[in-house]
């Protein structure tokens, strides 16, 4: 995260939407817009150029849709959290976006305060999901969340359970703090929690001792 606050890249093909979002983000304390993209390809290019703390990504865009743009951004810069901001809440679109690497999913009719809170949350390594989206995903969750965690994510979860901060986890595992944030976001989304305390409690209940 930059010293001057959370930097945000906006990706939406509607100028009016981008303008409104820019005013909202720039008006929030410790947060500023560093770039605006009118299509998915531009979003990928600007993400590489500007290295924002958070990307707010629409799904329905020309040239390259939001899902593919998200996939390319995450592949090129794994530490860049992408939060989808769209009008679509159907399970298929949500699943595609999360599978592409998005750490969060919000609907455009959400409260502006919730949007700002979600951007801050994503910048801190968490996984903001609109409650309506989370409910839509619940019926499809038929396997254990542990089945969806990588070996590295399981290590991160265990260290969260020991009370370690992201920087400490990074040192322990030999990875960057930013990479830890990405793993933490994936873990939170997979096990259905929004804070470290809940993650630690979940781990204590579901993880066996090594």
C-alpha atoms as a PDB file:
ATOM      1  CA  UNK A   1       0.000   0.000   0.000  1.00  0.00           C
ATOM      2  CA  UNK A   2       1.353   3.411  -0.920  1.00  0.00           C
ATOM      3  CA  UNK A   3       2.420   5.835   1.805  1.00  0.00           C
ATOM      4  CA  UNK A   4      -0.183   8.305   0.596  1.00  0.00           C
ATOM      5  CA  UNK A   5      -3.043   5.867   1.007  1.00  0.00           C
ATOM      6  CA  UNK A   6      -4.862   3.180  -0.945  1.00  0.00           C
ATOM      7  CA  UNK A   7      -4.452   3.610  -4.695  1.00  0.00           C
ATOM      8  CA  UNK A   8      -7.339   2.430  -6.865  1.00  0.00           C
ATOM      9  CA  UNK A   9      -7.719   1.628 -10.559  1.00  0.00           C
ATOM     10  CA  UNK A  10     -11.275   1.874 -11.921  1.00  0.00           C
ATOM     11  CA  UNK A  11     -12.378  -0.319 -14.842  1.00  0.00           C
ATOM     12  CA  UNK A  12     -15.844   0.357 -16.299  1.00  0.00           C
ATOM     13  CA  UNK A  13     -16.958   1.092 -19.841  1.00  0.00           C
ATOM     14  CA  UNK A  14     -19.473   3.757 -18.750  1.00  0.00           C
ATOM     15  CA  UNK A  15     -17.878   7.167 -18.281  1.00  0.00           C
ATOM     16  CA  UNK A  16     -20.664   8.299 -15.952  1.00  0.00           C
ATOM     17  CA  UNK A  17     -20.090   5.309 -13.671  1.00  0.00           C
ATOM     18  CA  UNK A  18     -16.327   5.865 -13.623  1.00  0.00           C
ATOM     19  CA  UNK A  19     -16.828   9.547 -12.855  1.00  0.00           C
ATOM     20  CA  UNK A  20     -19.138   8.749  -9.951  1.00  0.00           C
ATOM     21  CA  UNK A  21     -16.794   6.123  -8.576  1.00  0.00           C
ATOM     22  CA  UNK A  22     -13.814   8.447  -8.919  1.00  0.00           C
ATOM     23  CA  UNK A  23     -15.600  11.134  -6.928  1.00  0.00           C
ATOM     24  CA  UNK A  24     -16.539   8.623  -4.235  1.00  0.00           C
ATOM     25  CA  UNK A  25     -13.061   7.096  -3.942  1.00  0.00           C
ATOM     26  CA  UNK A  26     -11.163  10.390  -4.111  1.00  0.00           C
ATOM     27  CA  UNK A  27     -13.512  11.812  -1.485  1.00  0.00           C
ATOM     28  CA  UNK A  28     -12.687   9.013   0.967  1.00  0.00           C
ATOM     29  CA  UNK A  29      -9.915   9.598   3.473  1.00  0.00           C
ATOM     30  CA  UNK A  30      -6.623   7.909   2.601  1.00  0.00           C
ATOM     31  CA  UNK A  31      -7.779   6.755  -0.814  1.00  0.00           C
ATOM     32  CA  UNK A  32      -7.266   7.994  -4.370  1.00  0.00           C
ATOM     33  CA  UNK A  33      -7.900   6.956  -7.952  1.00  0.00           C
ATOM     34  CA  UNK A  34      -4.707   6.554  -9.968  1.00  0.00           C
ATOM     35  CA  UNK A  35      -6.249   5.435 -13.253  1.00  0.00           C
ATOM     36  CA  UNK A  36      -9.462   4.774 -15.173  1.00  0.00           C
ATOM     37  CA  UNK A  37      -9.963   2.101 -17.831  1.00  0.00           C
ATOM     38  CA  UNK A  38     -12.839   2.024 -20.333  1.00  0.00           C
ATOM     39  CA  UNK A  39     -12.355  -1.625 -21.322  1.00  0.00           C
ATOM     40  CA  UNK A  40     -10.727  -4.805 -20.054  1.00  0.00           C
ATOM     41  CA  UNK A  41      -7.606  -4.547 -22.195  1.00  0.00           C
ATOM     42  CA  UNK A  42      -6.959  -1.027 -20.949  1.00  0.00           C
ATOM     43  CA  UNK A  43      -7.457  -2.252 -17.380  1.00  0.00           C
ATOM     44  CA  UNK A  44      -4.763  -4.910 -17.850  1.00  0.00           C
ATOM     45  CA  UNK A  45      -2.343  -2.369 -19.304  1.00  0.00           C
ATOM     46  CA  UNK A  46      -2.975   0.240 -16.609  1.00  0.00           C
ATOM     47  CA  UNK A  47      -2.685  -2.320 -13.813  1.00  0.00           C
ATOM     48  CA  UNK A  48       0.788  -3.223 -15.085  1.00  0.00           C
ATOM     49  CA  UNK A  49       1.772   0.425 -15.484  1.00  0.00           C
ATOM     50  CA  UNK A  50       0.313   1.897 -12.281  1.00  0.00           C
ATOM     51  CA  UNK A  51       0.556  -1.034  -9.821  1.00  0.00           C
ATOM     52  CA  UNK A  52      -2.585  -0.013  -7.881  1.00  0.00           C
ATOM     53  CA  UNK A  53      -3.378  -1.345  -4.424  1.00  0.00           C
ATOM     54  CA  UNK A  54      -6.882  -2.351  -5.579  1.00  0.00           C
ATOM     55  CA  UNK A  55      -8.613  -2.734  -8.963  1.00  0.00           C
ATOM     56  CA  UNK A  56     -12.388  -2.155  -9.098  1.00  0.00           C
ATOM     57  CA  UNK A  57     -13.505  -4.230 -12.094  1.00  0.00           C
ATOM     58  CA  UNK A  58     -16.766  -4.221 -14.031  1.00  0.00           C
ATOM     59  CA  UNK A  59     -17.633  -7.522 -15.718  1.00  0.00           C
ATOM     60  CA  UNK A  60     -19.417  -6.461 -18.892  1.00  0.00           C
ATOM     61  CA  UNK A  61     -16.907  -4.460 -20.957  1.00  0.00           C
ATOM     62  CA  UNK A  62     -15.795  -4.279 -24.593  1.00  0.00           C
ATOM     63  CA  UNK A  63     -12.514  -5.569 -26.074  1.00  0.00           C
ATOM     64  CA  UNK A  64     -11.897  -7.805 -23.039  1.00  0.00           C
ATOM     65  CA  UNK A  65     -14.505  -8.697 -20.437  1.00  0.00           C
ATOM     66  CA  UNK A  66     -13.939  -8.273 -16.721  1.00  0.00           C
ATOM     67  CA  UNK A  67     -13.397 -11.971 -16.033  1.00  0.00           C
ATOM     68  CA  UNK A  68     -10.581 -12.324 -18.564  1.00  0.00           C
ATOM     69  CA  UNK A  69      -9.118  -8.958 -17.556  1.00  0.00           C
ATOM     70  CA  UNK A  70      -9.080 -10.122 -13.944  1.00  0.00           C
ATOM     71  CA  UNK A  71      -7.403 -13.385 -14.927  1.00  0.00           C
ATOM     72  CA  UNK A  72      -4.650 -11.553 -16.806  1.00  0.00           C
ATOM     73  CA  UNK A  73      -4.055  -8.981 -14.081  1.00  0.00           C
ATOM     74  CA  UNK A  74      -3.791 -11.628 -11.378  1.00  0.00           C
ATOM     75  CA  UNK A  75      -1.541 -13.801 -13.540  1.00  0.00           C
ATOM     76  CA  UNK A  76       0.817 -10.900 -14.240  1.00  0.00           C
ATOM     77  CA  UNK A  77       0.695  -9.359 -10.763  1.00  0.00           C
ATOM     78  CA  UNK A  78      -0.469 -11.939  -8.186  1.00  0.00           C
ATOM     79  CA  UNK A  79      -0.381  -9.378  -5.390  1.00  0.00           C
ATOM     80  CA  UNK A  80      -2.941  -7.057  -6.995  1.00  0.00           C
ATOM     81  CA  UNK A  81      -6.393  -7.553  -5.434  1.00  0.00           C
ATOM     82  CA  UNK A  82      -9.244  -7.266  -7.938  1.00  0.00           C
ATOM     83  CA  UNK A  83     -12.718  -6.481  -6.600  1.00  0.00           C
ATOM     84  CA  UNK A  84     -15.562  -6.993  -9.051  1.00  0.00           C
ATOM     85  CA  UNK A  85     -18.194  -4.244  -9.066  1.00  0.00           C
ATOM     86  CA  UNK A  86     -21.095  -5.211 -11.280  1.00  0.00           C
ATOM     87  CA  UNK A  87     -24.866  -5.491 -11.620  1.00  0.00           C
ATOM     88  CA  UNK A  88     -24.811  -9.272 -12.054  1.00  0.00           C
ATOM     89  CA  UNK A  89     -25.288 -11.537  -9.047  1.00  0.00           C
ATOM     90  CA  UNK A  90     -26.014 -14.885 -10.718  1.00  0.00           C
ATOM     91  CA  UNK A  91     -23.968 -17.782  -9.420  1.00  0.00           C
ATOM     92  CA  UNK A  92     -22.264 -18.503 -12.761  1.00  0.00           C
ATOM     93  CA  UNK A  93     -20.838 -15.004 -13.138  1.00  0.00           C
ATOM     94  CA  UNK A  94     -19.781 -14.867  -9.499  1.00  0.00           C
ATOM     95  CA  UNK A  95     -18.062 -18.224  -9.811  1.00  0.00           C
ATOM     96  CA  UNK A  96     -16.282 -17.237 -13.023  1.00  0.00           C
ATOM     97  CA  UNK A  97     -14.983 -14.013 -11.478  1.00  0.00           C
ATOM     98  CA  UNK A  98     -13.731 -15.685  -8.309  1.00  0.00           C
ATOM     99  CA  UNK A  99     -12.171 -18.512 -10.304  1.00  0.00           C
ATOM    100  CA  UNK A 100     -10.336 -15.891 -12.362  1.00  0.00           C
ATOM    101  CA  UNK A 101      -8.747 -14.605  -9.170  1.00  0.00           C
ATOM    102  CA  UNK A 102     -10.997 -11.783  -7.976  1.00  0.00           C
ATOM    103  CA  UNK A 103     -10.744 -11.397  -4.188  1.00  0.00           C
ATOM    104  CA  UNK A 104     -14.119  -9.689  -3.808  1.00  0.00           C
ATOM    105  CA  UNK A 105     -17.478  -9.240  -5.488  1.00  0.00           C
ATOM    106  CA  UNK A 106     -19.788  -6.266  -4.974  1.00  0.00           C
ATOM    107  CA  UNK A 107     -23.025  -5.162  -6.598  1.00  0.00           C
ATOM    108  CA  UNK A 108     -23.399  -1.673  -8.023  1.00  0.00           C
ATOM    109  CA  UNK A 109     -26.437  -0.896  -5.902  1.00  0.00           C
ATOM    110  CA  UNK A 110     -24.470  -1.393  -2.671  1.00  0.00           C
ATOM    111  CA  UNK A 111     -24.199   1.407  -0.131  1.00  0.00           C
ATOM    112  CA  UNK A 112     -21.302   3.768  -0.996  1.00  0.00           C
ATOM    113  CA  UNK A 113     -19.959   3.318   2.528  1.00  0.00           C
ATOM    114  CA  UNK A 114     -19.868  -0.441   2.001  1.00  0.00           C
ATOM    115  CA  UNK A 115     -17.966   0.055  -1.249  1.00  0.00           C
ATOM    116  CA  UNK A 116     -15.295   2.189   0.409  1.00  0.00           C
ATOM    117  CA  UNK A 117     -15.040  -0.288   3.289  1.00  0.00           C
ATOM    118  CA  UNK A 118     -14.660  -3.129   0.796  1.00  0.00           C
ATOM    119  CA  UNK A 119     -11.818  -1.362  -1.030  1.00  0.00           C
ATOM    120  CA  UNK A 120      -9.996  -0.801   2.259  1.00  0.00           C
ATOM    121  CA  UNK A 121     -10.626  -4.423   3.202  1.00  0.00           C
ATOM    122  CA  UNK A 122      -9.230  -5.730  -0.091  1.00  0.00           C
ATOM    123  CA  UNK A 123      -6.130  -3.538   0.273  1.00  0.00           C
ATOM    124  CA  UNK A 124      -5.553  -5.093   3.700  1.00  0.00           C
ATOM    125  CA  UNK A 125      -5.701  -8.637   2.330  1.00  0.00           C
ATOM    126  CA  UNK A 126      -9.317  -9.511   3.026  1.00  0.00           C
ATOM    127  CA  UNK A 127     -12.040 -10.789   0.686  1.00  0.00           C
ATOM    128  CA  UNK A 128     -15.101  -8.512   0.583  1.00  0.00           C
ATOM    129  CA  UNK A 129     -18.248 -10.229  -0.678  1.00  0.00           C
ATOM    130  CA  UNK A 130     -21.672  -8.632  -0.932  1.00  0.00           C
ATOM    131  CA  UNK A 131     -23.932 -10.643   1.437  1.00  0.00           C
ATOM    132  CA  UNK A 132     -26.349 -11.279  -1.432  1.00  0.00           C
ATOM    133  CA  UNK A 133     -23.532 -12.784  -3.460  1.00  0.00           C
ATOM    134  CA  UNK A 134     -22.348 -14.897  -0.540  1.00  0.00           C
ATOM    135  CA  UNK A 135     -25.860 -16.299  -0.111  1.00  0.00           C
ATOM    136  CA  UNK A 136     -26.016 -17.169  -3.805  1.00  0.00           C
ATOM    137  CA  UNK A 137     -22.828 -19.200  -3.458  1.00  0.00           C
ATOM    138  CA  UNK A 138     -23.884 -21.162  -0.393  1.00  0.00           C
ATOM    139  CA  UNK A 139     -26.088 -23.770  -2.142  1.00  0.00           C
ATOM    140  CA  UNK A 140     -23.181 -24.775  -4.416  1.00  0.00           C
ATOM    141  CA  UNK A 141     -20.772 -25.379  -1.550  1.00  0.00           C
ATOM    142  CA  UNK A 142     -20.966 -29.169  -1.267  1.00  0.00           C
ATOM    143  CA  UNK A 143     -17.325 -29.978  -0.535  1.00  0.00           C
ATOM    144  CA  UNK A 144     -15.170 -29.144   2.429  1.00  0.00           C
ATOM    145  CA  UNK A 145     -13.494 -25.711   2.223  1.00  0.00           C
ATOM    146  CA  UNK A 146     -10.244 -27.510   3.026  1.00  0.00           C
ATOM    147  CA  UNK A 147     -10.421 -29.215  -0.376  1.00  0.00           C
ATOM    148  CA  UNK A 148     -10.067 -25.835  -2.033  1.00  0.00           C
ATOM    149  CA  UNK A 149      -7.038 -24.651  -0.058  1.00  0.00           C
ATOM    150  CA  UNK A 150      -3.541 -25.068  -1.421  1.00  0.00           C
ATOM    151  CA  UNK A 151      -0.700 -26.321   0.753  1.00  0.00           C
ATOM    152  CA  UNK A 152       0.598 -22.753   1.043  1.00  0.00           C
ATOM    153  CA  UNK A 153      -2.831 -21.437   2.035  1.00  0.00           C
ATOM    154  CA  UNK A 154      -3.074 -24.112   4.723  1.00  0.00           C
ATOM    155  CA  UNK A 155       0.294 -22.952   6.063  1.00  0.00           C
ATOM    156  CA  UNK A 156      -0.956 -19.364   6.131  1.00  0.00           C
ATOM    157  CA  UNK A 157      -4.129 -20.421   7.926  1.00  0.00           C
ATOM    158  CA  UNK A 158      -2.139 -22.287  10.570  1.00  0.00           C
ATOM    159  CA  UNK A 159       0.076 -19.252  11.173  1.00  0.00           C
ATOM    160  CA  UNK A 160      -2.975 -16.978  11.419  1.00  0.00           C
ATOM    161  CA  UNK A 161      -4.138 -19.364  14.133  1.00  0.00           C
ATOM    162  CA  UNK A 162      -0.863 -18.706  15.964  1.00  0.00           C
ATOM    163  CA  UNK A 163      -1.627 -14.996  15.994  1.00  0.00           C
ATOM    164  CA  UNK A 164       0.961 -13.996  13.404  1.00  0.00           C
ATOM    165  CA  UNK A 165       0.552 -10.789  11.393  1.00  0.00           C
ATOM    166  CA  UNK A 166       1.040 -10.826   7.600  1.00  0.00           C
ATOM    167  CA  UNK A 167       4.598  -9.532   7.859  1.00  0.00           C
ATOM    168  CA  UNK A 168       5.508 -12.275  10.351  1.00  0.00           C
ATOM    169  CA  UNK A 169       3.887 -14.923   8.151  1.00  0.00           C
ATOM    170  CA  UNK A 170       5.846 -13.651   5.163  1.00  0.00           C
ATOM    171  CA  UNK A 171       9.126 -13.951   7.049  1.00  0.00           C
ATOM    172  CA  UNK A 172       8.234 -17.415   8.308  1.00  0.00           C
ATOM    173  CA  UNK A 173       7.377 -18.705   4.838  1.00  0.00           C
ATOM    174  CA  UNK A 174       9.943 -16.730   2.865  1.00  0.00           C
ATOM    175  CA  UNK A 175       7.383 -14.854   0.775  1.00  0.00           C
ATOM    176  CA  UNK A 176       6.458 -11.184   0.452  1.00  0.00           C
ATOM    177  CA  UNK A 177       3.864  -9.554   2.695  1.00  0.00           C
ATOM    178  CA  UNK A 178       1.846  -8.711  -0.389  1.00  0.00           C
ATOM    179  CA  UNK A 179       1.748 -12.354  -1.437  1.00  0.00           C
ATOM    180  CA  UNK A 180       0.629 -13.250   2.079  1.00  0.00           C
ATOM    181  CA  UNK A 181      -2.266 -10.799   1.694  1.00  0.00           C
ATOM    182  CA  UNK A 182      -3.376 -12.586  -1.456  1.00  0.00           C
ATOM    183  CA  UNK A 183      -3.260 -15.968   0.284  1.00  0.00           C
ATOM    184  CA  UNK A 184      -5.162 -14.575   3.276  1.00  0.00           C
ATOM    185  CA  UNK A 185      -7.873 -13.232   0.975  1.00  0.00           C
ATOM    186  CA  UNK A 186      -8.241 -16.596  -0.760  1.00  0.00           C
ATOM    187  CA  UNK A 187      -8.394 -18.411   2.584  1.00  0.00           C
ATOM    188  CA  UNK A 188     -11.025 -16.052   3.982  1.00  0.00           C
ATOM    189  CA  UNK A 189     -13.179 -16.404   0.880  1.00  0.00           C
ATOM    190  CA  UNK A 190     -12.858 -20.183   0.822  1.00  0.00           C
ATOM    191  CA  UNK A 191     -13.735 -20.789   4.473  1.00  0.00           C
ATOM    192  CA  UNK A 192     -16.351 -18.029   4.602  1.00  0.00           C
ATOM    193  CA  UNK A 193     -14.915 -15.611   7.169  1.00  0.00           C
ATOM    194  CA  UNK A 194     -14.083 -11.898   7.078  1.00  0.00           C
ATOM    195  CA  UNK A 195     -11.538 -11.441   9.865  1.00  0.00           C
ATOM    196  CA  UNK A 196      -8.462 -13.087  11.350  1.00  0.00           C
ATOM    197  CA  UNK A 197     -10.111 -14.041  14.637  1.00  0.00           C
ATOM    198  CA  UNK A 198     -12.847 -15.980  12.844  1.00  0.00           C
ATOM    199  CA  UNK A 199     -10.240 -17.615  10.607  1.00  0.00           C
ATOM    200  CA  UNK A 200      -8.217 -18.699  13.643  1.00  0.00           C
ATOM    201  CA  UNK A 201     -11.314 -20.164  15.295  1.00  0.00           C
ATOM    202  CA  UNK A 202     -12.279 -21.955  12.087  1.00  0.00           C
ATOM    203  CA  UNK A 203      -8.769 -23.374  11.787  1.00  0.00           C
ATOM    204  CA  UNK A 204      -8.815 -24.579  15.376  1.00  0.00           C
ATOM    205  CA  UNK A 205     -12.024 -26.480  14.662  1.00  0.00           C
ATOM    206  CA  UNK A 206     -11.144 -27.953  11.267  1.00  0.00           C
ATOM    207  CA  UNK A 207      -7.374 -28.377  11.024  1.00  0.00           C
ATOM    208  CA  UNK A 208      -5.663 -31.395  12.497  1.00  0.00           C
ATOM    209  CA  UNK A 209      -2.376 -30.938  14.312  1.00  0.00           C
ATOM    210  CA  UNK A 210       0.697 -31.511  12.214  1.00  0.00           C
END
